[in-house]
C-alpha atoms as a PDB file:
ATOM      1  CA  MET A   1      21.114  57.946   9.975  1.00  0.00           C
ATOM      2  CA  SER A   2      19.717  54.412  11.086  1.00  0.00           C
ATOM      3  CA  ILE A   3      19.193  53.652  15.059  1.00  0.00           C
ATOM      4  CA  ALA A   4      19.569  50.064  14.429  1.00  0.00           C
ATOM      5  CA  GLY A   5      22.158  48.464  16.271  1.00  0.00           C
ATOM      6  CA  SER A   6      23.824  48.436  19.835  1.00  0.00           C
ATOM      7  CA  TRP A   7      23.784  51.028  22.670  1.00  0.00           C
ATOM      8  CA  ASP A   8      25.220  51.751  25.673  1.00  0.00           C
ATOM      9  CA  VAL A   9      22.544  52.897  28.176  1.00  0.00           C
ATOM     10  CA  ILE A  10      22.585  55.046  31.507  1.00  0.00           C
ATOM     11  CA  LEU A  11      19.179  55.570  33.262  1.00  0.00           C
ATOM     12  CA  ASN A  12      19.871  58.354  35.805  1.00  0.00           C
ATOM     13  CA  THR A  13      17.846  57.471  38.755  1.00  0.00           C
ATOM     14  CA  PRO A  14      17.613  58.943  42.541  1.00  0.00           C
ATOM     15  CA  MET A  15      19.450  55.496  43.301  1.00  0.00           C
ATOM     16  CA  GLY A  16      22.306  56.308  41.309  1.00  0.00           C
ATOM     17  CA  LYS A  17      23.149  55.692  37.327  1.00  0.00           C
ATOM     18  CA  GLN A  18      21.637  52.437  36.124  1.00  0.00           C
ATOM     19  CA  LYS A  19      23.899  50.971  33.331  1.00  0.00           C
ATOM     20  CA  GLY A  20      22.547  48.640  30.234  1.00  0.00           C
ATOM     21  CA  LYS A  21      22.748  47.664  26.726  1.00  0.00           C
ATOM     22  CA  MET A  22      20.120  48.187  23.997  1.00  0.00           C
ATOM     23  CA  THR A  23      19.765  46.242  20.952  1.00  0.00           C
ATOM     24  CA  VAL A  24      17.512  48.111  18.228  1.00  0.00           C
ATOM     25  CA  THR A  25      16.515  46.876  14.935  1.00  0.00           C
ATOM     26  CA  LEU A  26      13.806  48.588  12.737  1.00  0.00           C
ATOM     27  CA  ASN A  27      10.949  47.450  10.719  1.00  0.00           C
ATOM     28  CA  GLY A  28       9.935  50.677   8.938  1.00  0.00           C
ATOM     29  CA  ASP A  29       9.262  53.129  11.468  1.00  0.00           C
ATOM     30  CA  GLU A  30       8.715  50.405  14.415  1.00  0.00           C
ATOM     31  CA  ILE A  31      11.462  49.987  17.187  1.00  0.00           C
ATOM     32  CA  VAL A  32      12.292  46.766  17.945  1.00  0.00           C
ATOM     33  CA  GLY A  33      14.573  45.486  20.600  1.00  0.00           C
ATOM     34  CA  GLU A  34      15.493  44.734  23.685  1.00  0.00           C
ATOM     35  CA  ILE A  35      17.401  46.229  26.901  1.00  0.00           C
ATOM     36  CA  GLN A  36      19.893  44.224  28.706  1.00  0.00           C
ATOM     37  CA  SER A  37      19.960  45.343  32.545  1.00  0.00           C
ATOM     38  CA  PRO A  38      21.468  43.803  35.940  1.00  0.00           C
ATOM     39  CA  MET A  39      17.127  42.672  36.039  1.00  0.00           C
ATOM     40  CA  GLY A  40      17.474  40.970  32.775  1.00  0.00           C
ATOM     41  CA  ASN A  41      16.740  41.040  29.198  1.00  0.00           C
ATOM     42  CA  ILE A  42      13.683  43.637  29.022  1.00  0.00           C
ATOM     43  CA  PRO A  43      12.149  43.459  25.493  1.00  0.00           C
ATOM     44  CA  MET A  44      10.935  46.782  24.140  1.00  0.00           C
ATOM     45  CA  LYS A  45       7.495  47.092  22.865  1.00  0.00           C
ATOM     46  CA  GLU A  46       5.086  49.589  21.357  1.00  0.00           C
ATOM     47  CA  GLY A  47       8.284  51.291  19.668  1.00  0.00           C
ATOM     48  CA  LYS A  48       8.158  53.980  17.301  1.00  0.00           C
ATOM     49  CA  LEU A  49      10.497  56.402  15.285  1.00  0.00           C
ATOM     50  CA  ASP A  50       9.272  59.569  14.038  1.00  0.00           C
ATOM     51  CA  GLY A  51      12.046  61.408  12.564  1.00  0.00           C
ATOM     52  CA  ASP A  52      15.001  61.506  15.264  1.00  0.00           C
ATOM     53  CA  LYS A  53      12.289  60.881  17.727  1.00  0.00           C
ATOM     54  CA  GLY A  54      11.993  57.137  19.505  1.00  0.00           C
ATOM     55  CA  THR A  55       9.587  56.364  21.631  1.00  0.00           C
ATOM     56  CA  TRP A  56       8.861  52.841  23.494  1.00  0.00           C
ATOM     57  CA  LEU A  57       7.651  50.848  26.684  1.00  0.00           C
ATOM     58  CA  CYS A  58       9.413  48.274  28.556  1.00  0.00           C
ATOM     59  CA  GLY A  59       7.711  46.377  30.981  1.00  0.00           C
ATOM     60  CA  VAL A  60       9.565  45.283  34.289  1.00  0.00           C
ATOM     61  CA  THR A  61       8.355  43.601  37.632  1.00  0.00           C
ATOM     62  CA  LYS A  62      10.718  44.463  40.055  1.00  0.00           C
ATOM     63  CA  PRO A  63      10.435  46.328  42.051  1.00  0.00           C
ATOM     64  CA  ILE A  64       7.027  46.271  41.213  1.00  0.00           C
ATOM     65  CA  SER A  65       4.981  45.739  38.014  1.00  0.00           C
ATOM     66  CA  MET A  66       5.081  48.985  35.698  1.00  0.00           C
ATOM     67  CA  ASN A  67       6.033  50.115  32.583  1.00  0.00           C
ATOM     68  CA  LEU A  68       8.956  52.125  31.813  1.00  0.00           C
ATOM     69  CA  GLU A  69       7.847  54.985  29.195  1.00  0.00           C
ATOM     70  CA  PHE A  70      10.749  56.295  27.079  1.00  0.00           C
ATOM     71  CA  ASP A  71      11.086  59.518  25.151  1.00  0.00           C
ATOM     72  CA  VAL A  72      14.357  60.324  23.255  1.00  0.00           C
ATOM     73  CA  LEU A  73      15.935  62.198  20.714  1.00  0.00           C
ATOM     74  CA  PHE A  74      18.650  60.501  18.594  1.00  0.00           C
ATOM     75  CA  GLU A  75      21.492  62.961  17.350  1.00  0.00           C
ATOM     76  CA  GLY A  76      23.876  61.049  15.464  1.00  0.00           C
ATOM     77  CA  ASP A  77      25.849  58.383  17.826  1.00  0.00           C
ATOM     78  CA  ALA A  78      23.747  59.424  20.933  1.00  0.00           C
ATOM     79  CA  PHE A  79      20.650  59.966  22.232  1.00  0.00           C
ATOM     80  CA  THR A  80      18.888  61.862  25.201  1.00  0.00           C
ATOM     81  CA  GLY A  81      15.549  61.916  26.686  1.00  0.00           C
ATOM     82  CA  THR A  82      13.527  60.795  29.342  1.00  0.00           C
ATOM     83  CA  VAL A  83      12.016  57.670  31.136  1.00  0.00           C
ATOM     84  CA  LYS A  84       8.829  57.986  33.086  1.00  0.00           C
ATOM     85  CA  VAL A  85       9.312  55.309  35.513  1.00  0.00           C
ATOM     86  CA  GLY A  86       5.646  54.162  36.345  1.00  0.00           C
ATOM     87  CA  PRO A  87       4.288  56.612  39.202  1.00  0.00           C
ATOM     88  CA  MET A  88       7.657  57.165  40.537  1.00  0.00           C
ATOM     89  CA  GLY A  89       8.139  60.637  38.265  1.00  0.00           C
ATOM     90  CA  LYS A  90      10.552  61.013  35.438  1.00  0.00           C
ATOM     91  CA  ASN A  91      14.366  60.153  35.154  1.00  0.00           C
ATOM     92  CA  VAL A  92      16.922  61.314  32.474  1.00  0.00           C
ATOM     93  CA  VAL A  93      18.506  58.703  30.050  1.00  0.00           C
ATOM     94  CA  GLU A  94      21.538  58.445  27.724  1.00  0.00           C
ATOM     95  CA  GLY A  95      23.154  56.473  25.351  1.00  0.00           C
ATOM     96  CA  LYS A  96      25.815  56.262  22.980  1.00  0.00           C
ATOM     97  CA  ARG A  97      26.562  54.067  20.005  1.00  0.00           C
ATOM     98  CA  ALA A  98      28.478  50.757  21.368  1.00  0.00           C
ATOM     99  CA  SER A  99      31.734  50.360  19.607  1.00  0.00           C
END
C-alpha cells in the first residue's frame, strides 16, 4: 500500500477541528508533500516512512513560529496519530484518502 496521493486531514485542537488537505509523494522512504490549510500551503519537511508509521514536520508562523511534529500510523485508506504543537502539547490528527 502506498501512502502517495491526496488526503483529507482533521486536526483536533482545543479551538475545535481544523480541516485541511494533504498531498503526499514518496521518494523511497522519504515523505514529500504539503498540507493545504486555512493558513495557506505548508510544506512537509524531514518526512520519513517506516513501515506504516509516518513522521514529518510542518513549520508555521501563525499564531507563533513553531514546528508541528506529526507522528501517524497509516492503515489502508486512513491514518491516525498525534501532532505536537510546539510548546502547546499534542493534539489528535486523523485523515482519510480523498476520493
